[in-house]
Amino acid sequence: MMNVCLVDDQRAVVDSLKNGIRWEKLPVDKVYTACSAREAKLILKNFPVDVLLSDIEMPEEDGISLCLWAKKEIADIECIFLTSHADFEYAREAIRMGSFDYILQPVRYEDVEKALLRVWERVCEKQKMQNMINSQRLFMEQKNHMFDVLTANIMAENWAEAEQLYGHLPELYGVDAEECQIYPALVQVVRWKKLRNDWEKKLVSLVLKNVLEELFYQEKANVWVTGFREDRYWCFIQTTRAEFHEGSCSQHMQQFYDFIEANMDFSIAFYPGEAPQKGEVRQVFEGLLRRAACNAEGKKGVFWENAENLEEEGDQDAVTLAVSYIKKNLSKNISRTDVASYVHLNEEYFSRLFKQQTGETFKDYVMMEKMREAQKLLKNSRLSVSIIASKVGYDNFSHFSKMFKKITDQTPQEYRKVHEK
């Protein structure tokens, strides 16, 4: 049912409409009346009104102005105008501005009844939409509550309850249990690259959720993230077998880590898990917690299934890994951007960290490593100087010779001659 407010500066017109329209045959609950825009505003401020039926031409303030005010104050209100033939163009402009309909005067009651029935259809659609929004909000609240309870049971090691709750999760997504796959993952913030500032647990959760949703977009995945400790977060990624592509999960997990490391103010240890089958909840989650416990030093990286320690390179810190990369790639034009990306650090932060730990700028360090390698080759090989230059990443022989002399005070030929003696 809807409520209607009749507005006309002539009391006789208002009374005629109120008494002449067959309200009992319309889906109308209450009818309010006003003889000015001011009176109408008082009604709209104090009573719920769905439809404003107003004359356009009124002293002090016209119906269009009243309608604009009403739509600003009451977003869902619908407006129907009463207009004379002389005001027809005026009325059409009012329709363009957002009113629902207009009725020519002198008013026929049946025209008003038809207009009210039409507007009722729109009101019903809006009510359905609002009910849907409310249902979705309730659904999200129930889902959040379910995951909160699940997380609490996991941390309390109430495995029977956790197993039971995990079995009910497909119902939240409206998919068959056999088709539903829910991948858990544990995220641990192990280092802050900058001062923590205003980062809060909820903000970190939101960042993790948004990145995972973007990466798993093609799989039409649902993502839920909760922080259960200051530095730890459970992530749940739900998809179906039909939407899941072989290999995409592990690929997206690695992309997730890479994105966080390259773009966020914090570094993480990331522990992805397999989607547990019936009876496997305890096994999967104990495995994730065990992997985190084995990382007592708080190393960053991706800890895959059955890998309780990082791989050989992952055991090294970022600068050590960068130095190793430089030494293996002296024949290339090594850029700071490339190496920062390789160790998954912000470029500016990597530059500061590199100088802090090596005592040299990145550029100077790379140049010195290239020159040391050139010295070694000049002493221990019969390769031509131009080939040695290319082996340490210099395409321009003249530039190589200039840099070599700058470091050693000798040309490459002089250096070789001295060491031959």
Protein backbone atom coordinates (compact mmCIF):
# COMPACT_ATOMS: atom_id res chain seq x y z
CA MET A 1 0.00 0.00 0.00
CA MET A 2 1.06 3.59 -0.62
CA ASN A 3 0.36 7.02 0.88
CA VAL A 4 -0.63 10.01 -1.28
CA CYS A 5 -0.41 13.77 -0.69
CA LEU A 6 -2.81 16.03 -2.69
CA VAL A 7 -1.63 19.63 -3.20
CA ASP A 8 -3.55 22.53 -4.79
CA ASP A 9 -3.87 26.17 -3.76
CA GLN A 10 -7.67 25.87 -4.15
CA ARG A 11 -9.29 24.05 -1.24
CA ALA A 12 -12.27 23.14 -3.44
CA VAL A 13 -10.02 21.24 -5.87
CA VAL A 14 -8.31 19.36 -3.02
CA ASP A 15 -11.66 18.40 -1.44
CA SER A 16 -13.04 17.38 -4.83
CA LEU A 17 -10.12 15.04 -5.46
CA LYS A 18 -10.25 13.58 -1.98
CA ASN A 19 -13.98 12.92 -2.15
CA GLY A 20 -14.32 12.06 -5.83
CA ILE A 21 -11.56 9.51 -6.35
CA ARG A 22 -12.52 5.91 -5.53
CA TRP A 23 -9.71 5.34 -3.04
CA GLU A 24 -11.18 2.05 -1.88
CA LYS A 25 -10.39 0.55 -5.31
CA LEU A 26 -6.79 1.75 -5.25
CA PRO A 27 -3.76 0.39 -3.34
CA VAL A 28 -3.74 3.53 -1.18
CA ASP A 29 -3.55 3.52 2.60
CA LYS A 30 -3.63 7.21 3.60
CA VAL A 31 -4.45 10.46 1.78
CA TYR A 32 -3.01 13.75 3.01
CA THR A 33 -4.05 17.20 1.72
CA ALA A 34 -2.31 20.58 1.49
CA CYS A 35 -3.19 23.96 -0.01
CA SER A 36 0.38 25.26 -0.47
CA ALA A 37 3.90 24.05 -0.95
CA ARG A 38 4.68 25.06 2.62
CA GLU A 39 1.88 22.87 4.02
CA ALA A 40 2.96 20.01 1.76
CA LYS A 41 6.54 20.20 3.03
CA LEU A 42 5.32 19.96 6.62
CA ILE A 43 3.40 16.80 5.73
CA LEU A 44 6.32 15.26 3.83
CA LYS A 45 8.67 15.95 6.72
CA ASN A 46 6.43 14.27 9.28
CA PHE A 47 4.61 11.46 7.45
CA PRO A 48 5.66 8.73 5.01
CA VAL A 49 4.44 9.72 1.51
CA ASP A 50 4.98 7.69 -1.68
CA VAL A 51 3.16 9.90 -4.22
CA LEU A 52 2.89 13.68 -4.48
CA LEU A 53 -0.09 14.76 -6.62
CA SER A 54 0.34 18.50 -7.11
CA ASP A 55 -0.91 21.43 -9.15
CA ILE A 56 1.88 23.24 -11.03
CA GLU A 57 0.64 26.83 -10.84
CA MET A 58 0.51 27.89 -7.16
CA PRO A 59 1.33 31.20 -5.49
CA GLU A 60 4.55 31.59 -3.45
CA GLU A 61 6.07 28.30 -4.66
CA ASP A 62 5.01 26.26 -7.71
CA GLY A 63 4.56 22.50 -7.96
CA ILE A 64 7.78 21.88 -9.88
CA SER A 65 9.86 23.55 -7.18
CA LEU A 66 8.01 21.49 -4.58
CA CYS A 67 8.68 18.31 -6.53
CA LEU A 68 12.41 19.05 -6.80
CA TRP A 69 12.58 19.67 -3.07
CA ALA A 70 10.65 16.46 -2.34
CA LYS A 71 12.93 14.35 -4.55
CA LYS A 72 15.94 15.77 -2.78
CA GLU A 73 14.51 15.10 0.68
CA ILE A 74 12.70 11.82 -0.12
CA ALA A 75 14.60 9.93 -2.77
CA ASP A 76 11.88 7.41 -3.61
CA ILE A 77 8.88 9.77 -3.86
CA GLU A 78 6.93 9.90 -7.15
CA CYS A 79 5.35 13.11 -8.47
CA ILE A 80 2.21 13.55 -10.62
CA PHE A 81 1.38 17.04 -11.87
CA LEU A 82 -1.99 18.64 -12.58
CA THR A 83 -1.64 21.09 -15.46
CA SER A 84 -3.75 23.19 -17.81
CA HIS A 85 -3.31 23.19 -21.60
CA ALA A 86 -1.43 26.47 -21.34
CA ASP A 87 1.11 24.83 -19.04
CA PHE A 88 1.56 21.76 -21.26
CA GLU A 89 5.17 22.47 -22.31
CA TYR A 90 5.93 23.37 -18.73
CA ALA A 91 4.60 19.98 -17.65
CA ARG A 92 6.64 18.10 -20.23
CA GLU A 93 9.75 19.78 -18.85
CA ALA A 94 8.70 18.63 -15.39
CA ILE A 95 8.49 15.04 -16.66
CA ARG A 96 12.01 15.36 -18.03
CA MET A 97 13.18 16.57 -14.65
CA GLY A 98 11.94 13.44 -12.93
CA SER A 99 8.20 13.56 -12.24
CA PHE A 100 6.19 10.42 -12.99
CA ASP A 101 3.24 11.80 -14.97
CA TYR A 102 0.99 14.80 -15.63
CA ILE A 103 -2.80 15.09 -15.92
CA LEU A 104 -4.59 17.82 -17.86
CA GLN A 105 -7.12 20.01 -16.08
CA PRO A 106 -10.02 20.03 -15.61
CA VAL A 107 -9.22 16.78 -13.88
CA ARG A 108 -11.18 13.59 -14.54
CA TYR A 109 -11.21 11.28 -11.56
CA GLU A 110 -10.67 8.18 -13.70
CA ASP A 111 -7.49 9.74 -15.16
CA VAL A 112 -6.13 10.25 -11.66
CA GLU A 113 -7.06 6.66 -10.72
CA LYS A 114 -5.27 5.28 -13.78
CA ALA A 115 -2.19 7.38 -13.04
CA LEU A 116 -2.14 6.16 -9.44
CA LEU A 117 -2.37 2.55 -10.58
CA ARG A 118 0.55 3.11 -12.93
CA VAL A 119 2.63 4.73 -10.24
CA TRP A 120 1.77 1.84 -7.91
CA GLU A 121 3.56 -0.50 -10.31
CA ARG A 122 6.69 1.60 -10.01
CA VAL A 123 6.38 1.74 -6.22
CA CYS A 124 6.09 -2.05 -6.15
CA GLU A 125 9.24 -2.40 -8.27
CA LYS A 126 11.12 -0.12 -5.90
CA GLN A 127 9.85 -2.07 -2.91
CA LYS A 128 10.97 -5.33 -4.53
CA MET A 129 14.38 -3.83 -5.19
CA GLN A 130 14.65 -2.61 -1.61
CA ASN A 131 13.57 -6.01 -0.30
CA MET A 132 16.24 -7.61 -2.49
CA ILE A 133 18.87 -5.22 -1.14
CA ASN A 134 17.74 -5.97 2.41
CA SER A 135 17.88 -9.70 1.69
CA GLN A 136 21.38 -9.38 0.27
CA ARG A 137 22.45 -7.40 3.32
CA LEU A 138 20.96 -10.05 5.60
CA PHE A 139 22.67 -12.75 3.54
CA MET A 140 26.04 -11.02 3.90
CA GLU A 141 25.53 -10.64 7.63
CA GLN A 142 24.69 -14.34 7.94
CA LYS A 143 27.70 -15.28 5.81
CA ASN A 144 30.02 -13.08 7.85
CA HIS A 145 28.66 -14.59 11.03
CA MET A 146 29.17 -18.11 9.66
CA PHE A 147 32.79 -17.40 8.76
CA ASP A 148 33.43 -15.70 12.11
CA VAL A 149 32.15 -18.79 13.92
CA LEU A 150 34.18 -21.06 11.62
CA THR A 151 37.37 -19.09 12.29
CA ALA A 152 36.75 -19.14 16.05
CA ASN A 153 36.30 -22.92 15.98
CA ILE A 154 39.48 -23.40 13.94
CA MET A 155 41.54 -21.33 16.36
CA ALA A 156 39.98 -23.16 19.33
CA GLU A 157 40.68 -26.49 17.57
CA ASN A 158 37.01 -27.45 17.75
CA TRP A 159 37.41 -29.57 14.65
CA ALA A 160 34.05 -31.34 14.77
CA GLU A 161 32.21 -28.01 14.75
CA ALA A 162 34.55 -26.58 12.11
CA GLU A 163 33.97 -29.60 9.87
CA GLN A 164 30.21 -29.25 10.24
CA LEU A 165 30.25 -25.51 9.47
CA TYR A 166 32.50 -26.00 6.46
CA GLY A 167 30.00 -28.50 5.12
CA HIS A 168 27.25 -25.88 5.29
CA LEU A 169 29.18 -23.14 3.45
CA PRO A 170 27.98 -24.20 -0.05
CA GLU A 171 24.42 -23.41 1.10
CA LEU A 172 25.43 -19.77 1.59
CA TYR A 173 26.44 -19.56 -2.06
CA GLY A 174 23.48 -21.53 -3.38
CA VAL A 175 25.60 -24.19 -5.09
CA ASP A 176 25.73 -27.95 -4.88
CA ALA A 177 28.19 -29.22 -2.28
CA GLU A 178 29.83 -31.46 -4.89
CA GLU A 179 30.44 -28.49 -7.20
CA CYS A 180 31.50 -25.99 -4.54
CA GLN A 181 35.20 -25.49 -3.87
CA ILE A 182 36.39 -23.24 -1.04
CA TYR A 183 40.13 -22.62 -0.90
CA PRO A 184 41.48 -21.41 2.45
CA ALA A 185 44.70 -19.44 2.81
CA LEU A 186 46.55 -17.91 5.72
CA VAL A 187 48.17 -14.46 5.40
CA GLN A 188 50.73 -13.24 7.90
CA VAL A 189 52.02 -9.67 7.86
CA VAL A 190 55.73 -10.13 8.59
CA ARG A 191 57.18 -6.69 7.90
CA TRP A 192 56.12 -3.08 7.52
CA LYS A 193 58.14 -1.26 4.86
CA LYS A 194 57.15 2.12 6.23
CA LEU A 195 55.69 3.41 9.47
CA ARG A 196 52.37 1.72 9.98
CA ASN A 197 50.48 5.03 10.20
CA ASP A 198 46.72 4.54 9.81
CA TRP A 199 46.74 0.91 8.65
CA GLU A 200 44.17 -0.98 10.71
CA LYS A 201 43.18 -4.63 10.74
CA LYS A 202 39.96 -3.90 8.82
CA LEU A 203 41.83 -1.91 6.17
CA VAL A 204 44.35 -4.72 5.64
CA SER A 205 41.44 -7.19 5.38
CA LEU A 206 39.78 -4.99 2.76
CA VAL A 207 42.97 -4.73 0.70
CA LEU A 208 43.50 -8.51 0.76
CA LYS A 209 39.86 -9.10 -0.19
CA ASN A 210 39.86 -6.63 -3.08
CA VAL A 211 43.08 -7.97 -4.60
CA LEU A 212 41.89 -11.60 -4.40
CA GLU A 213 38.50 -10.69 -5.91
CA GLU A 214 40.20 -8.95 -8.83
CA LEU A 215 42.57 -11.86 -9.49
CA PHE A 216 39.81 -14.48 -9.29
CA TYR A 217 37.31 -12.43 -11.29
CA GLN A 218 37.33 -14.81 -14.27
CA GLU A 219 36.49 -17.72 -11.94
CA LYS A 220 33.47 -15.75 -10.58
CA ALA A 221 34.86 -16.32 -7.12
CA ASN A 222 33.48 -15.08 -3.82
CA VAL A 223 36.11 -13.95 -1.32
CA TRP A 224 35.90 -13.50 2.42
CA VAL A 225 38.75 -12.30 4.67
CA THR A 226 38.91 -11.97 8.44
CA GLY A 227 41.67 -10.89 10.80
CA PHE A 228 41.93 -13.15 13.82
CA ARG A 229 45.11 -11.63 15.20
CA GLU A 230 46.90 -8.33 14.74
CA ASP A 231 49.12 -9.79 12.04
CA ARG A 232 47.20 -12.81 10.70
CA TYR A 233 44.25 -13.16 8.37
CA TRP A 234 42.19 -16.08 7.09
CA CYS A 235 41.16 -15.89 3.44
CA PHE A 236 38.46 -18.05 1.86
CA ILE A 237 38.05 -18.16 -1.94
CA GLN A 238 34.86 -19.86 -3.15
CA THR A 239 34.37 -20.99 -6.73
CA THR A 240 32.83 -23.95 -8.52
CA ARG A 241 34.37 -26.82 -10.44
CA ALA A 242 32.70 -25.52 -13.60
CA GLU A 243 34.36 -22.10 -13.29
CA PHE A 244 37.69 -23.35 -11.95
CA HIS A 245 40.50 -23.70 -14.48
CA GLU A 246 43.34 -26.12 -13.78
CA GLY A 247 46.44 -24.30 -12.64
CA SER A 248 44.75 -20.92 -12.32
CA CYS A 249 44.46 -21.13 -8.56
CA SER A 250 48.20 -21.49 -7.89
CA GLN A 251 48.92 -18.85 -10.55
CA HIS A 252 46.54 -16.36 -8.93
CA MET A 253 47.98 -17.12 -5.49
CA GLN A 254 51.46 -16.22 -6.71
CA GLN A 255 50.11 -13.09 -8.43
CA PHE A 256 48.42 -12.12 -5.18
CA TYR A 257 51.71 -12.31 -3.27
CA ASP A 258 53.59 -10.46 -6.02
CA PHE A 259 51.03 -7.63 -6.06
CA ILE A 260 51.06 -7.18 -2.29
CA GLU A 261 54.85 -7.19 -2.17
CA ALA A 262 55.21 -4.72 -5.04
CA ASN A 263 52.47 -2.25 -4.08
CA MET A 264 51.63 -2.38 -0.38
CA ASP A 265 53.38 -0.90 2.66
CA PHE A 266 53.76 -4.36 4.18
CA SER A 267 55.31 -7.72 3.29
CA ILE A 268 53.53 -11.01 3.87
CA ALA A 269 54.12 -14.69 4.33
CA PHE A 270 51.38 -16.39 2.34
CA TYR A 271 50.21 -19.96 2.99
CA PRO A 272 47.73 -21.20 0.34
CA GLY A 273 45.74 -24.36 1.06
CA GLU A 274 43.84 -26.95 -0.92
CA ALA A 275 40.03 -26.98 -0.91
CA PRO A 276 39.24 -29.52 1.85
CA GLN A 277 37.02 -32.43 0.96
CA LYS A 278 34.60 -33.97 3.47
CA GLY A 279 36.50 -34.99 6.58
CA GLU A 280 39.67 -33.07 5.62
CA VAL A 281 39.07 -29.73 7.35
CA ARG A 282 41.30 -30.48 10.32
CA GLN A 283 44.10 -31.83 8.12
CA VAL A 284 44.09 -28.78 5.82
CA PHE A 285 43.92 -26.13 8.53
CA GLU A 286 46.42 -27.79 10.83
CA GLY A 287 48.76 -27.91 7.85
CA LEU A 288 48.36 -24.15 7.26
CA LEU A 289 48.95 -23.35 10.93
CA ARG A 290 51.94 -25.69 11.02
CA ARG A 291 53.51 -23.92 8.04
CA ALA A 292 53.08 -20.58 9.79
CA ALA A 293 54.59 -21.98 13.01
CA CYS A 294 57.64 -23.21 11.07
CA ASN A 295 58.21 -19.66 9.85
CA ALA A 296 59.30 -18.49 13.29
CA GLU A 297 61.72 -15.95 11.79
CA GLY A 298 58.88 -14.24 9.94
CA LYS A 299 60.29 -14.66 6.44
CA LYS A 300 58.24 -13.30 3.57
CA GLY A 301 57.23 -15.37 0.56
CA VAL A 302 54.73 -17.97 -0.60
CA PHE A 303 54.76 -21.19 1.43
CA TRP A 304 53.18 -23.84 -0.80
CA GLU A 305 51.73 -27.20 0.22
CA ASN A 306 54.37 -29.46 1.83
CA ALA A 307 56.92 -26.64 1.80
CA GLU A 308 57.40 -25.58 5.42
CA ASN A 309 60.47 -23.52 4.58
CA LEU A 310 61.09 -21.14 1.74
CA GLU A 311 63.09 -22.32 -1.24
CA GLU A 312 66.85 -21.66 -1.28
CA GLU A 313 66.52 -18.22 -2.80
CA GLY A 314 63.55 -17.41 -0.62
CA ASP A 315 65.66 -18.00 2.53
CA GLN A 316 67.76 -15.01 1.59
CA ASP A 317 66.68 -11.49 2.33
CA ALA A 318 65.83 -9.17 -0.53
CA VAL A 319 69.25 -7.53 -0.82
CA THR A 320 71.12 -10.84 -0.78
CA LEU A 321 68.79 -12.11 -3.46
CA ALA A 322 69.34 -8.92 -5.46
CA VAL A 323 73.14 -9.29 -5.23
CA SER A 324 72.86 -12.88 -6.43
CA TYR A 325 70.73 -11.74 -9.37
CA ILE A 326 73.23 -9.03 -10.31
CA LYS A 327 76.17 -11.44 -10.32
CA LYS A 328 74.29 -13.89 -12.51
CA ASN A 329 73.32 -11.22 -15.04
CA LEU A 330 76.42 -9.07 -15.49
CA SER A 331 76.21 -9.51 -19.25
CA LYS A 332 72.89 -7.66 -19.28
CA ASN A 333 71.92 -4.03 -18.88
CA ILE A 334 70.71 -4.42 -15.29
CA SER A 335 68.23 -1.79 -14.15
CA ARG A 336 67.08 -0.97 -10.65
CA THR A 337 63.49 -1.41 -11.81
CA ASP A 338 64.14 -4.95 -12.98
CA VAL A 339 65.89 -6.02 -9.78
CA ALA A 340 63.31 -4.39 -7.48
CA SER A 341 60.59 -6.23 -9.37
CA TYR A 342 62.57 -9.48 -9.11
CA VAL A 343 62.72 -9.26 -5.29
CA HIS A 344 59.12 -7.95 -5.09
CA LEU A 345 59.89 -4.58 -3.50
CA ASN A 346 58.86 -1.03 -4.21
CA GLU A 347 61.65 0.53 -6.31
CA GLU A 348 62.34 3.51 -4.05
CA TYR A 349 62.24 1.40 -0.92
CA PHE A 350 64.54 -1.22 -2.52
CA SER A 351 67.04 1.51 -3.44
CA ARG A 352 67.23 2.77 0.15
CA LEU A 353 67.42 -0.74 1.58
CA PHE A 354 70.18 -1.73 -0.88
CA LYS A 355 72.40 1.21 0.05
CA GLN A 356 71.71 0.67 3.74
CA GLN A 357 72.90 -2.95 3.61
CA THR A 358 75.73 -2.70 1.02
CA GLY A 359 77.01 0.81 1.66
CA GLU A 360 76.78 1.59 -2.07
CA THR A 361 74.11 2.90 -4.38
CA PHE A 362 72.58 0.32 -6.68
CA LYS A 363 74.13 1.95 -9.76
CA ASP A 364 77.64 2.07 -8.27
CA TYR A 365 77.41 -1.50 -7.01
CA VAL A 366 76.41 -2.85 -10.43
CA MET A 367 79.20 -0.90 -12.14
CA MET A 368 81.82 -2.18 -9.67
CA GLU A 369 80.67 -5.78 -10.11
CA LYS A 370 80.94 -5.42 -13.86
CA MET A 371 84.45 -3.97 -13.57
CA ARG A 372 85.58 -6.74 -11.17
CA GLU A 373 84.34 -9.32 -13.65
CA ALA A 374 86.14 -7.50 -16.48
CA GLN A 375 89.37 -7.47 -14.47
CA LYS A 376 89.08 -11.20 -13.88
CA LEU A 377 88.54 -11.90 -17.57
CA LEU A 378 91.42 -9.65 -18.61
CA LYS A 379 93.79 -11.48 -16.26
CA ASN A 380 92.59 -15.04 -16.81
CA SER A 381 91.49 -15.23 -20.46
CA ARG A 382 92.73 -14.38 -23.94
CA LEU A 383 89.36 -12.95 -24.99
CA SER A 384 89.51 -9.68 -26.89
CA VAL A 385 88.69 -6.52 -24.95
CA SER A 386 85.57 -5.92 -27.08
CA ILE A 387 84.23 -9.40 -26.23
CA ILE A 388 84.99 -8.86 -22.54
CA ALA A 389 83.11 -5.55 -22.73
CA SER A 390 80.04 -7.32 -24.12
CA LYS A 391 80.31 -10.02 -21.45
CA VAL A 392 79.86 -7.39 -18.75
CA GLY A 393 76.98 -5.66 -20.50
CA TYR A 394 78.70 -2.88 -22.47
CA ASP A 395 77.73 -2.64 -26.15
CA ASN A 396 79.81 0.49 -26.59
CA PHE A 397 83.53 -0.39 -26.42
CA SER A 398 84.57 3.25 -25.97
CA HIS A 399 82.23 3.70 -23.00
CA PHE A 400 83.52 0.48 -21.40
CA SER A 401 87.14 1.60 -21.73
CA LYS A 402 86.32 5.00 -20.23
CA MET A 403 84.53 3.47 -17.21
CA PHE A 404 87.28 0.88 -16.71
CA LYS A 405 89.97 3.54 -16.62
CA LYS A 406 87.87 5.63 -14.23
CA ILE A 407 87.87 2.72 -11.77
CA THR A 408 91.40 1.33 -12.25
CA ASP A 409 93.34 4.33 -13.61
CA GLN A 410 94.33 2.06 -16.50
CA THR A 411 92.85 1.24 -19.89
CA PRO A 412 91.81 -2.40 -20.36
CA GLN A 413 94.86 -2.95 -22.59
CA GLU A 414 97.23 -1.44 -20.00
CA TYR A 415 95.63 -3.50 -17.22
CA ARG A 416 96.09 -6.75 -19.20
CA LYS A 417 99.67 -5.88 -20.09
CA VAL A 418 100.60 -5.19 -16.47
CA HIS A 419 99.08 -8.43 -15.23
CA GLU A 420 100.66 -10.45 -18.04
CA LYS A 421 104.08 -9.46 -16.68
